[in-house]
Structure formats: C-alpha cells, structure tokens
PDB file of N, CA and C in Angstrom:
ATOM      1  N   MET A   1     108.557  81.824  91.984  1.00  0.00           N
ATOM      2  CA  MET A   1     107.335  81.634  92.673  1.00  0.00           C
ATOM      3  C   MET A   1     107.567  81.260  94.139  1.00  0.00           C
ATOM      4  N   GLU A   2     108.637  80.416  94.429  1.00  0.00           N
ATOM      5  CA  GLU A   2     108.919  80.091  95.728  1.00  0.00           C
ATOM      6  C   GLU A   2     109.186  81.275  96.689  1.00  0.00           C
ATOM      7  N   GLU A   3     109.839  82.284  96.097  1.00  0.00           N
ATOM      8  CA  GLU A   3     110.212  83.523  96.782  1.00  0.00           C
ATOM      9  C   GLU A   3     108.952  84.229  97.228  1.00  0.00           C
ATOM     10  N   GLN A   4     107.982  84.267  96.252  1.00  0.00           N
ATOM     11  CA  GLN A   4     106.660  84.911  96.570  1.00  0.00           C
ATOM     12  C   GLN A   4     105.921  84.137  97.636  1.00  0.00           C
ATOM     13  N   ILE A   5     105.882  82.820  97.555  1.00  0.00           N
ATOM     14  CA  ILE A   5     105.205  82.029  98.557  1.00  0.00           C
ATOM     15  C   ILE A   5     105.721  82.262  99.934  1.00  0.00           C
ATOM     16  N   ARG A   6     107.119  82.190 100.015  1.00  0.00           N
ATOM     17  CA  ARG A   6     107.872  82.435 101.266  1.00  0.00           C
ATOM     18  C   ARG A   6     107.471  83.885 101.892  1.00  0.00           C
ATOM     19  N   SER A   7     107.504  84.873 100.946  1.00  0.00           N
ATOM     20  CA  SER A   7     107.220  86.236 101.410  1.00  0.00           C
ATOM     21  C   SER A   7     105.831  86.312 102.041  1.00  0.00           C
ATOM     22  N   TYR A   8     104.806  85.787 101.380  1.00  0.00           N
ATOM     23  CA  TYR A   8     103.393  85.791 101.819  1.00  0.00           C
ATOM     24  C   TYR A   8     103.321  85.015 103.121  1.00  0.00           C
ATOM     25  N   LEU A   9     104.020  83.831 103.279  1.00  0.00           N
ATOM     26  CA  LEU A   9     103.977  83.145 104.469  1.00  0.00           C
ATOM     27  C   LEU A   9     104.567  83.924 105.673  1.00  0.00           C
ATOM     28  N   ASP A  10     105.642  84.604 105.384  1.00  0.00           N
ATOM     29  CA  ASP A  10     106.246  85.540 106.334  1.00  0.00           C
ATOM     30  C   ASP A  10     105.300  86.610 106.797  1.00  0.00           C
ATOM     31  N   THR A  11     104.721  87.171 105.838  1.00  0.00           N
ATOM     32  CA  THR A  11     103.739  88.249 106.096  1.00  0.00           C
ATOM     33  C   THR A  11     102.610  87.744 106.960  1.00  0.00           C
ATOM     34  N   LEU A  12     102.085  86.536 106.703  1.00  0.00           N
ATOM     35  CA  LEU A  12     100.998  85.991 107.542  1.00  0.00           C
ATOM     36  C   LEU A  12     101.362  85.515 108.866  1.00  0.00           C
ATOM     37  N   GLU A  13     102.700  85.270 109.055  1.00  0.00           N
ATOM     38  CA  GLU A  13     103.218  84.978 110.378  1.00  0.00           C
ATOM     39  C   GLU A  13     103.158  86.195 111.304  1.00  0.00           C
ATOM     40  N   THR A  14     103.408  87.386 110.792  1.00  0.00           N
ATOM     41  CA  THR A  14     103.414  88.566 111.490  1.00  0.00           C
ATOM     42  C   THR A  14     102.101  89.260 111.581  1.00  0.00           C
ATOM     43  N   ALA A  15     101.254  89.085 110.466  1.00  0.00           N
ATOM     44  CA  ALA A  15     100.028  89.735 110.380  1.00  0.00           C
ATOM     45  C   ALA A  15      98.935  88.725 109.881  1.00  0.00           C
ATOM     46  N   PRO A  16      98.487  87.813 110.720  1.00  0.00           N
ATOM     47  CA  PRO A  16      97.576  86.743 110.218  1.00  0.00           C
ATOM     48  C   PRO A  16      96.248  87.281 109.569  1.00  0.00           C
ATOM     49  N   GLY A  17      95.983  88.510 109.867  1.00  0.00           N
ATOM     50  CA  GLY A  17      94.744  89.111 109.354  1.00  0.00           C
ATOM     51  C   GLY A  17      94.843  89.832 107.988  1.00  0.00           C
ATOM     52  N   ASP A  18      96.107  89.666 107.411  1.00  0.00           N
ATOM     53  CA  ASP A  18      96.338  90.364 106.117  1.00  0.00           C
ATOM     54  C   ASP A  18      95.695  89.603 105.064  1.00  0.00           C
ATOM     55  N   GLU A  19      94.477  90.015 104.650  1.00  0.00           N
ATOM     56  CA  GLU A  19      93.630  89.374 103.653  1.00  0.00           C
ATOM     57  C   GLU A  19      94.301  89.338 102.350  1.00  0.00           C
ATOM     58  N   GLN A  20      95.003  90.432 101.947  1.00  0.00           N
ATOM     59  CA  GLN A  20      95.637  90.486 100.581  1.00  0.00           C
ATOM     60  C   GLN A  20      96.714  89.337 100.456  1.00  0.00           C
ATOM     61  N   ALA A  21      97.450  89.205 101.536  1.00  0.00           N
ATOM     62  CA  ALA A  21      98.623  88.230 101.542  1.00  0.00           C
ATOM     63  C   ALA A  21      97.935  86.750 101.492  1.00  0.00           C
ATOM     64  N   PHE A  22      96.946  86.604 102.294  1.00  0.00           N
ATOM     65  CA  PHE A  22      96.240  85.305 102.307  1.00  0.00           C
ATOM     66  C   PHE A  22      95.634  84.967 100.950  1.00  0.00           C
ATOM     67  N   VAL A  23      94.916  85.897 100.260  1.00  0.00           N
ATOM     68  CA  VAL A  23      94.358  85.568  98.962  1.00  0.00           C
ATOM     69  C   VAL A  23      95.495  85.316  97.886  1.00  0.00           C
ATOM     70  N   ALA A  24      96.502  86.102  97.953  1.00  0.00           N
ATOM     71  CA  ALA A  24      97.555  85.854  97.052  1.00  0.00           C
ATOM     72  C   ALA A  24      98.343  84.555  97.233  1.00  0.00           C
ATOM     73  N   LEU A  25      98.495  84.203  98.452  1.00  0.00           N
ATOM     74  CA  LEU A  25      99.190  82.909  98.738  1.00  0.00           C
ATOM     75  C   LEU A  25      98.211  81.727  98.346  1.00  0.00           C
ATOM     76  N   GLU A  26      96.967  81.832  98.706  1.00  0.00           N
ATOM     77  CA  GLU A  26      96.029  80.850  98.243  1.00  0.00           C
ATOM     78  C   GLU A  26      96.006  80.593  96.834  1.00  0.00           C
ATOM     79  N   SER A  27      96.105  81.679  96.017  1.00  0.00           N
ATOM     80  CA  SER A  27      96.065  81.561  94.611  1.00  0.00           C
ATOM     81  C   SER A  27      97.330  80.932  94.168  1.00  0.00           C
ATOM     82  N   LEU A  28      98.510  81.292  94.644  1.00  0.00           N
ATOM     83  CA  LEU A  28      99.784  80.701  94.267  1.00  0.00           C
ATOM     84  C   LEU A  28      99.798  79.251  94.513  1.00  0.00           C
ATOM     85  N   LEU A  29      99.393  78.782  95.731  1.00  0.00           N
ATOM     86  CA  LEU A  29      99.482  77.446  96.098  1.00  0.00           C
ATOM     87  C   LEU A  29      98.458  76.678  95.228  1.00  0.00           C
ATOM     88  N   SER A  30      97.313  77.118  94.921  1.00  0.00           N
ATOM     89  CA  SER A  30      96.398  76.502  94.046  1.00  0.00           C
ATOM     90  C   SER A  30      96.856  76.347  92.667  1.00  0.00           C
ATOM     91  N   LYS A  31      97.449  77.392  92.118  1.00  0.00           N
ATOM     92  CA  LYS A  31      97.920  77.362  90.746  1.00  0.00           C
ATOM     93  C   LYS A  31      99.093  76.336  90.572  1.00  0.00           C
ATOM     94  N   SER A  32      99.806  76.161  91.602  1.00  0.00           N
ATOM     95  CA  SER A  32     101.016  75.290  91.582  1.00  0.00           C
ATOM     96  C   SER A  32     100.664  73.915  92.070  1.00  0.00           C
ATOM     97  N   ASP A  33      99.329  73.590  92.290  1.00  0.00           N
ATOM     98  CA  ASP A  33      98.920  72.270  92.759  1.00  0.00           C
ATOM     99  C   ASP A  33      99.601  71.818  94.067  1.00  0.00           C
ATOM    100  N   ARG A  34      99.830  72.733  94.943  1.00  0.00           N
ATOM    101  CA  ARG A  34     100.361  72.439  96.272  1.00  0.00           C
ATOM    102  C   ARG A  34      99.299  72.278  97.248  1.00  0.00           C
ATOM    103  N   TRP A  35      98.554  71.199  97.129  1.00  0.00           N
ATOM    104  CA  TRP A  35      97.371  70.919  97.928  1.00  0.00           C
ATOM    105  C   TRP A  35      97.597  70.833  99.334  1.00  0.00           C
ATOM    106  N   GLU A  36      98.695  69.994  99.700  1.00  0.00           N
ATOM    107  CA  GLU A  36      99.014  69.839 101.192  1.00  0.00           C
ATOM    108  C   GLU A  36      99.345  71.267 101.786  1.00  0.00           C
ATOM    109  N   ASP A  37     100.060  72.015 101.086  1.00  0.00           N
ATOM    110  CA  ASP A  37     100.404  73.393 101.578  1.00  0.00           C
ATOM    111  C   ASP A  37      99.174  74.227 101.753  1.00  0.00           C
ATOM    112  N   LEU A  38      98.224  74.103 100.826  1.00  0.00           N
ATOM    113  CA  LEU A  38      97.074  74.948 100.872  1.00  0.00           C
ATOM    114  C   LEU A  38      96.185  74.437 102.049  1.00  0.00           C
ATOM    115  N   ILE A  39      96.099  73.142 102.289  1.00  0.00           N
ATOM    116  CA  ILE A  39      95.405  72.598 103.462  1.00  0.00           C
ATOM    117  C   ILE A  39      95.969  73.159 104.744  1.00  0.00           C
ATOM    118  N   ARG A  40      97.301  73.188 104.867  1.00  0.00           N
ATOM    119  CA  ARG A  40      97.959  73.729 106.043  1.00  0.00           C
ATOM    120  C   ARG A  40      97.697  75.158 106.137  1.00  0.00           C
ATOM    121  N   LEU A  41      97.709  75.922 105.058  1.00  0.00           N
ATOM    122  CA  LEU A  41      97.369  77.378 105.131  1.00  0.00           C
ATOM    123  C   LEU A  41      95.987  77.601 105.688  1.00  0.00           C
ATOM    124  N   TYR A  42      94.947  76.826 105.175  1.00  0.00           N
ATOM    125  CA  TYR A  42      93.648  76.947 105.693  1.00  0.00           C
ATOM    126  C   TYR A  42      93.480  76.696 107.110  1.00  0.00           C
ATOM    127  N   GLU A  43      94.193  75.647 107.538  1.00  0.00           N
ATOM    128  CA  GLU A  43      94.146  75.190 108.978  1.00  0.00           C
ATOM    129  C   GLU A  43      94.848  76.227 109.827  1.00  0.00           C
ATOM    130  N   ARG A  44      95.942  76.752 109.466  1.00  0.00           N
ATOM    131  CA  ARG A  44      96.754  77.778 110.217  1.00  0.00           C
ATOM    132  C   ARG A  44      95.910  79.089 110.296  1.00  0.00           C
ATOM    133  N   GLN A  45      95.263  79.526 109.173  1.00  0.00           N
ATOM    134  CA  GLN A  45      94.523  80.672 109.206  1.00  0.00           C
ATOM    135  C   GLN A  45      93.303  80.605 110.055  1.00  0.00           C
ATOM    136  N   ALA A  46      92.715  79.382 110.107  1.00  0.00           N
ATOM    137  CA  ALA A  46      91.594  79.180 110.969  1.00  0.00           C
ATOM    138  C   ALA A  46      91.921  79.375 112.418  1.00  0.00           C
ATOM    139  N   LYS A  47      93.145  79.034 112.766  1.00  0.00           N
ATOM    140  CA  LYS A  47      93.555  79.101 114.125  1.00  0.00           C
ATOM    141  C   LYS A  47      94.054  80.497 114.532  1.00  0.00           C
ATOM    142  N   GLN A  48      94.663  81.205 113.556  1.00  0.00           N
ATOM    143  CA  GLN A  48      95.315  82.409 113.882  1.00  0.00           C
ATOM    144  C   GLN A  48      94.510  83.680 113.411  1.00  0.00           C
ATOM    145  N   SER A  49      93.521  83.491 112.613  1.00  0.00           N
ATOM    146  CA  SER A  49      92.855  84.663 112.074  1.00  0.00           C
ATOM    147  C   SER A  49      92.191  85.517 113.228  1.00  0.00           C
ATOM    148  N   PRO A  50      92.285  86.793 113.171  1.00  0.00           N
ATOM    149  CA  PRO A  50      91.578  87.576 114.169  1.00  0.00           C
ATOM    150  C   PRO A  50      90.078  87.551 114.016  1.00  0.00           C
ATOM    151  N   ASP A  51      89.616  87.174 112.870  1.00  0.00           N
ATOM    152  CA  ASP A  51      88.174  87.049 112.615  1.00  0.00           C
ATOM    153  C   ASP A  51      87.727  85.564 112.794  1.00  0.00           C
ATOM    154  N   LEU A  52      87.257  85.159 114.006  1.00  0.00           N
ATOM    155  CA  LEU A  52      86.921  83.862 114.316  1.00  0.00           C
ATOM    156  C   LEU A  52      85.757  83.309 113.513  1.00  0.00           C
ATOM    157  N   ALA A  53      84.957  84.160 112.952  1.00  0.00           N
ATOM    158  CA  ALA A  53      83.866  83.795 112.064  1.00  0.00           C
ATOM    159  C   ALA A  53      84.318  83.136 110.824  1.00  0.00           C
ATOM    160  N   GLN A  54      85.555  83.312 110.441  1.00  0.00           N
ATOM    161  CA  GLN A  54      86.136  82.686 109.177  1.00  0.00           C
ATOM    162  C   GLN A  54      86.599  81.296 109.423  1.00  0.00           C
ATOM    163  N   ALA A  55      86.787  80.894 110.667  1.00  0.00           N
ATOM    164  CA  ALA A  55      87.420  79.547 110.965  1.00  0.00           C
ATOM    165  C   ALA A  55      86.611  78.436 110.364  1.00  0.00           C
ATOM    166  N   PRO A  56      85.270  78.353 110.578  1.00  0.00           N
ATOM    167  CA  PRO A  56      84.530  77.169 110.002  1.00  0.00           C
ATOM    168  C   PRO A  56      84.633  77.089 108.537  1.00  0.00           C
ATOM    169  N   GLY A  57      84.602  78.183 107.841  1.00  0.00           N
ATOM    170  CA  GLY A  57      84.775  78.084 106.352  1.00  0.00           C
ATOM    171  C   GLY A  57      86.161  77.603 105.915  1.00  0.00           C
ATOM    172  N   LEU A  58      87.141  78.072 106.641  1.00  0.00           N
ATOM    173  CA  LEU A  58      88.530  77.685 106.262  1.00  0.00           C
ATOM    174  C   LEU A  58      88.740  76.222 106.541  1.00  0.00           C
ATOM    175  N   LEU A  59      88.246  75.709 107.665  1.00  0.00           N
ATOM    176  CA  LEU A  59      88.324  74.333 108.058  1.00  0.00           C
ATOM    177  C   LEU A  59      87.529  73.477 107.084  1.00  0.00           C
ATOM    178  N   ALA A  60      86.418  73.916 106.604  1.00  0.00           N
ATOM    179  CA  ALA A  60      85.640  73.190 105.615  1.00  0.00           C
ATOM    180  C   ALA A  60      86.392  73.092 104.284  1.00  0.00           C
ATOM    181  N   LYS A  61      87.092  74.121 103.848  1.00  0.00           N
ATOM    182  CA  LYS A  61      87.901  74.158 102.645  1.00  0.00           C
ATOM    183  C   LYS A  61      89.084  73.081 102.853  1.00  0.00           C
ATOM    184  N   ALA A  62      89.702  73.110 104.037  1.00  0.00           N
ATOM    185  CA  ALA A  62      90.717  72.231 104.292  1.00  0.00           C
ATOM    186  C   ALA A  62      90.275  70.729 104.218  1.00  0.00           C
ATOM    187  N   ALA A  63      89.151  70.500 104.827  1.00  0.00           N
ATOM    188  CA  ALA A  63      88.625  69.157 104.806  1.00  0.00           C
ATOM    189  C   ALA A  63      88.221  68.683 103.386  1.00  0.00           C
ATOM    190  N   GLU A  64      87.619  69.547 102.637  1.00  0.00           N
ATOM    191  CA  GLU A  64      87.274  69.303 101.245  1.00  0.00           C
ATOM    192  C   GLU A  64      88.464  68.927 100.400  1.00  0.00           C
ATOM    193  N   LEU A  65      89.505  69.730 100.599  1.00  0.00           N
ATOM    194  CA  LEU A  65      90.745  69.424  99.837  1.00  0.00           C
ATOM    195  C   LEU A  65      91.368  68.085 100.220  1.00  0.00           C
ATOM    196  N   ALA A  66      91.424  67.861 101.537  1.00  0.00           N
ATOM    197  CA  ALA A  66      91.988  66.624 102.063  1.00  0.00           C
ATOM    198  C   ALA A  66      91.254  65.383 101.552  1.00  0.00           C
ATOM    199  N   ALA A  67      89.977  65.562 101.266  1.00  0.00           N
ATOM    200  CA  ALA A  67      89.171  64.373 100.780  1.00  0.00           C
ATOM    201  C   ALA A  67      89.507  64.023  99.418  1.00  0.00           C
ATOM    202  N   VAL A  68      90.012  65.105  98.597  1.00  0.00           N
ATOM    203  CA  VAL A  68      90.306  64.800  97.201  1.00  0.00           C
ATOM    204  C   VAL A  68      91.747  64.833  96.896  1.00  0.00           C
ATOM    205  N   ALA A  69      92.633  65.361  97.751  1.00  0.00           N
ATOM    206  CA  ALA A  69      94.078  65.420  97.483  1.00  0.00           C
ATOM    207  C   ALA A  69      94.754  64.072  97.675  1.00  0.00           C
TER     208      ALA A  69
END
C-alpha cells in the first residue's frame, strides 16, 4: 500500500488536477486511518488544484478531520 500511496503522491506533484489519482489516494489514506496525511492532502490540493472552486470544500474537509483526529 505504501508504494501505491507514494505513486499517487508523485502523480499529484506533477499533475495536481489528476482527479483519478486524488480520489484513489484519498481512499487509500482513509482506509488506512492516516488522518494527518489526509488532512495534508486536502490542504495541498486546495492550494495546488487548477480548479479554485474546489478549494473551500477541500479546506472544510481538512478542518472537519482536524477537529476529530
């Protein structure tokens, strides 16, 4: 699983708008209870995503997780 996570992170570094990589990584982190990593993913995507309209939703998810993690 670590190899998959690293691969998706690498993909998002070069292509922050890759929705398939984002969704897959989000799922892997969630299933493995890696809440801090998931918060960082949401925050990073909010900053780097080419679709600025997604930023508020991603930041809200990060804040929600931070409140319970």
